[in-house]
C-alpha atoms as a PDB file:
ATOM      1  CA  MET A   1      73.794-108.412 -79.011  1.00  0.00           C
ATOM      2  CA  ALA A   2      74.648-106.315 -75.998  1.00  0.00           C
ATOM      3  CA  LEU A   3      73.446-107.174 -72.523  1.00  0.00           C
ATOM      4  CA  HIS A   4      72.585-104.483 -70.008  1.00  0.00           C
ATOM      5  CA  GLN A   5      72.127-104.686 -66.274  1.00  0.00           C
ATOM      6  CA  THR A   6      69.267-102.884 -64.634  1.00  0.00           C
ATOM      7  CA  VAL A   7      67.483-102.918 -61.294  1.00  0.00           C
ATOM      8  CA  ASP A   8      63.716-103.263 -60.946  1.00  0.00           C
ATOM      9  CA  LYS A   9      61.528-101.500 -58.384  1.00  0.00           C
ATOM     10  CA  ASP A  10      62.276-104.194 -55.770  1.00  0.00           C
ATOM     11  CA  ASN A  11      66.047-103.839 -56.255  1.00  0.00           C
ATOM     12  CA  HIS A  12      66.367-107.125 -58.140  1.00  0.00           C
ATOM     13  CA  MET A  13      69.247-107.161 -60.584  1.00  0.00           C
ATOM     14  CA  LEU A  14      68.013-107.875 -64.097  1.00  0.00           C
ATOM     15  CA  ILE A  15      70.016-108.547 -67.209  1.00  0.00           C
ATOM     16  CA  VAL A  16      68.220-107.486 -70.352  1.00  0.00           C
ATOM     17  CA  GLN A  17      69.127-107.877 -73.963  1.00  0.00           C
ATOM     18  CA  ALA A  18      69.289-104.674 -75.971  1.00  0.00           C
ATOM     19  CA  MET A  19      67.139-104.651 -79.074  1.00  0.00           C
ATOM     20  CA  THR A  20      69.006-104.483 -82.348  1.00  0.00           C
ATOM     21  CA  PRO A  21      68.027-101.786 -84.844  1.00  0.00           C
ATOM     22  CA  MET A  22      66.393-104.547 -86.889  1.00  0.00           C
ATOM     23  CA  ARG A  23      64.239-105.750 -83.973  1.00  0.00           C
ATOM     24  CA  GLN A  24      63.271-102.178 -83.116  1.00  0.00           C
ATOM     25  CA  CYS A  25      62.203-101.538 -86.693  1.00  0.00           C
ATOM     26  CA  LEU A  26      60.245-104.791 -86.930  1.00  0.00           C
ATOM     27  CA  ARG A  27      58.477-104.009 -83.689  1.00  0.00           C
ATOM     28  CA  LYS A  28      57.449-100.561 -84.925  1.00  0.00           C
ATOM     29  CA  VAL A  29      56.343-101.866 -88.321  1.00  0.00           C
ATOM     30  CA  ASP A  30      54.365-104.627 -86.639  1.00  0.00           C
ATOM     31  CA  HIS A  31      52.700-102.056 -84.397  1.00  0.00           C
ATOM     32  CA  ALA A  32      51.888 -99.907 -87.440  1.00  0.00           C
ATOM     33  CA  SER A  33      50.347-102.891 -89.223  1.00  0.00           C
ATOM     34  CA  ALA A  34      47.868-103.306 -86.387  1.00  0.00           C
ATOM     35  CA  SER A  35      46.830 -99.685 -86.752  1.00  0.00           C
ATOM     36  CA  ALA A  36      43.893 -99.017 -89.015  1.00  0.00           C
ATOM     37  CA  ASP A  37      44.462 -95.296 -89.356  1.00  0.00           C
ATOM     38  CA  SER A  38      46.454 -93.128 -91.718  1.00  0.00           C
ATOM     39  CA  ALA A  39      49.307 -92.869 -89.205  1.00  0.00           C
ATOM     40  CA  ALA A  40      50.553 -96.306 -90.305  1.00  0.00           C
ATOM     41  CA  GLY A  41      52.423 -94.771 -93.233  1.00  0.00           C
ATOM     42  CA  THR A  42      54.126 -92.254 -90.969  1.00  0.00           C
ATOM     43  CA  CYS A  43      55.091 -95.036 -88.559  1.00  0.00           C
ATOM     44  CA  ILE A  44      56.660 -97.023 -91.399  1.00  0.00           C
ATOM     45  CA  VAL A  45      58.686 -94.033 -92.567  1.00  0.00           C
ATOM     46  CA  GLU A  46      59.914 -93.283 -89.045  1.00  0.00           C
ATOM     47  CA  ALA A  47      60.841 -96.919 -88.366  1.00  0.00           C
ATOM     48  CA  LEU A  48      62.757 -97.217 -91.648  1.00  0.00           C
ATOM     49  CA  ASN A  49      64.509 -93.876 -91.029  1.00  0.00           C
ATOM     50  CA  GLU A  50      65.738 -95.123 -87.656  1.00  0.00           C
ATOM     51  CA  LEU A  51      66.858 -98.404 -89.165  1.00  0.00           C
ATOM     52  CA  GLU A  52      68.829 -96.685 -91.920  1.00  0.00           C
ATOM     53  CA  SER A  53      70.488 -94.320 -89.462  1.00  0.00           C
ATOM     54  CA  ALA A  54      71.896 -97.309 -87.569  1.00  0.00           C
ATOM     55  CA  TYR A  55      74.030 -98.290 -90.577  1.00  0.00           C
ATOM     56  CA  ARG A  56      76.758 -96.236 -92.200  1.00  0.00           C
ATOM     57  CA  ARG A  57      77.256 -97.805 -95.616  1.00  0.00           C
ATOM     58  CA  PRO A  58      74.581 -97.915 -98.331  1.00  0.00           C
ATOM     59  CA  SER A  59      75.129-101.663 -98.794  1.00  0.00           C
ATOM     60  CA  GLU A  60      74.409-102.279 -95.085  1.00  0.00           C
ATOM     61  CA  ARG A  61      71.244-100.213 -95.341  1.00  0.00           C
ATOM     62  CA  ILE A  62      70.066-102.167 -98.386  1.00  0.00           C
ATOM     63  CA  VAL A  63      70.585-105.476 -96.587  1.00  0.00           C
ATOM     64  CA  ALA A  64      68.822-104.230 -93.436  1.00  0.00           C
ATOM     65  CA  LEU A  65      65.838-103.008 -95.436  1.00  0.00           C
ATOM     66  CA  GLU A  66      65.595-106.325 -97.265  1.00  0.00           C
ATOM     67  CA  ALA A  67      65.750-108.185 -93.956  1.00  0.00           C
ATOM     68  CA  VAL A  68      62.840-106.151 -92.572  1.00  0.00           C
ATOM     69  CA  LEU A  69      60.733-106.889 -95.620  1.00  0.00           C
ATOM     70  CA  HIS A  70      61.694-110.564 -95.533  1.00  0.00           C
ATOM     71  CA  GLU A  71      60.946-110.949 -91.815  1.00  0.00           C
ATOM     72  CA  PHE A  72      57.623-109.200 -92.116  1.00  0.00           C
ATOM     73  CA  ASP A  73      56.705-111.193 -95.225  1.00  0.00           C
ATOM     74  CA  ARG A  74      57.806-114.462 -93.628  1.00  0.00           C
ATOM     75  CA  GLY A  75      55.000-114.161 -91.124  1.00  0.00           C
ATOM     76  CA  GLY A  76      52.543-113.807 -94.008  1.00  0.00           C
ATOM     77  CA  ARG A  77      51.801-110.246 -92.994  1.00  0.00           C
ATOM     78  CA  VAL A  78      52.808-108.403 -96.165  1.00  0.00           C
ATOM     79  CA  GLY A  79      50.808-110.212 -98.813  1.00  0.00           C
ATOM     80  CA  GLU A  80      48.534-108.157-101.004  1.00  0.00           C
ATOM     81  CA  THR A  81      47.131-105.942 -98.288  1.00  0.00           C
ATOM     82  CA  ALA A  82      47.267-102.169 -98.538  1.00  0.00           C
ATOM     83  CA  PHE A  83      49.710-102.124 -95.627  1.00  0.00           C
ATOM     84  CA  GLY A  84      51.890-104.775 -97.275  1.00  0.00           C
ATOM     85  CA  ARG A  85      52.042-102.808-100.517  1.00  0.00           C
ATOM     86  CA  LEU A  86      52.872 -99.628 -98.608  1.00  0.00           C
ATOM     87  CA  LEU A  87      55.713-101.342 -96.767  1.00  0.00           C
ATOM     88  CA  ARG A  88      57.077-102.986 -99.912  1.00  0.00           C
ATOM     89  CA  ILE A  89      56.979 -99.730-101.899  1.00  0.00           C
ATOM     90  CA  ASN A  90      58.748 -97.820 -99.128  1.00  0.00           C
ATOM     91  CA  VAL A  91      61.456-100.462 -98.791  1.00  0.00           C
ATOM     92  CA  GLU A  92      62.002-100.814-102.554  1.00  0.00           C
ATOM     93  CA  ARG A  93      62.274 -97.043-103.079  1.00  0.00           C
ATOM     94  CA  ARG A  94      64.823 -96.762-100.307  1.00  0.00           C
ATOM     95  CA  GLN A  95      66.810 -99.721-101.606  1.00  0.00           C
ATOM     96  CA  ASN A  96      66.905 -98.166-105.075  1.00  0.00           C
ATOM     97  CA  LYS A  97      68.083 -94.874-103.611  1.00  0.00           C
ATOM     98  CA  TRP A  98      70.918 -96.565-101.696  1.00  0.00           C
ATOM     99  CA  ALA A  99      71.825 -98.787-104.661  1.00  0.00           C
ATOM    100  CA  ARG A 100      72.497 -95.686-106.747  1.00  0.00           C
ATOM    101  CA  ARG A 101      74.846 -94.422-104.017  1.00  0.00           C
ATOM    102  CA  ALA A 102      76.632 -97.723-103.342  1.00  0.00           C
END
């Protein structure tokens, strides 16, 4: 993971860790899960689109998508909720699409 240097408002040098595409996606999906409106589906699609664009090969995209689903499920957040089903369906459809192209 890459480290970046930055300076805060008081001119203190800070070293921050860049977020991986996986972490960015998980953060956005987590944020969408807390949302109770219809925008959650759009947020999922956008987060998964960004994740897929970070990887060149279909096999890498399949693995990344599986990792998102696994990480989100590991926290017990997918389950049988409407949001969990929406996430799982989106991930599985994308994995099937990339599997046909691999």
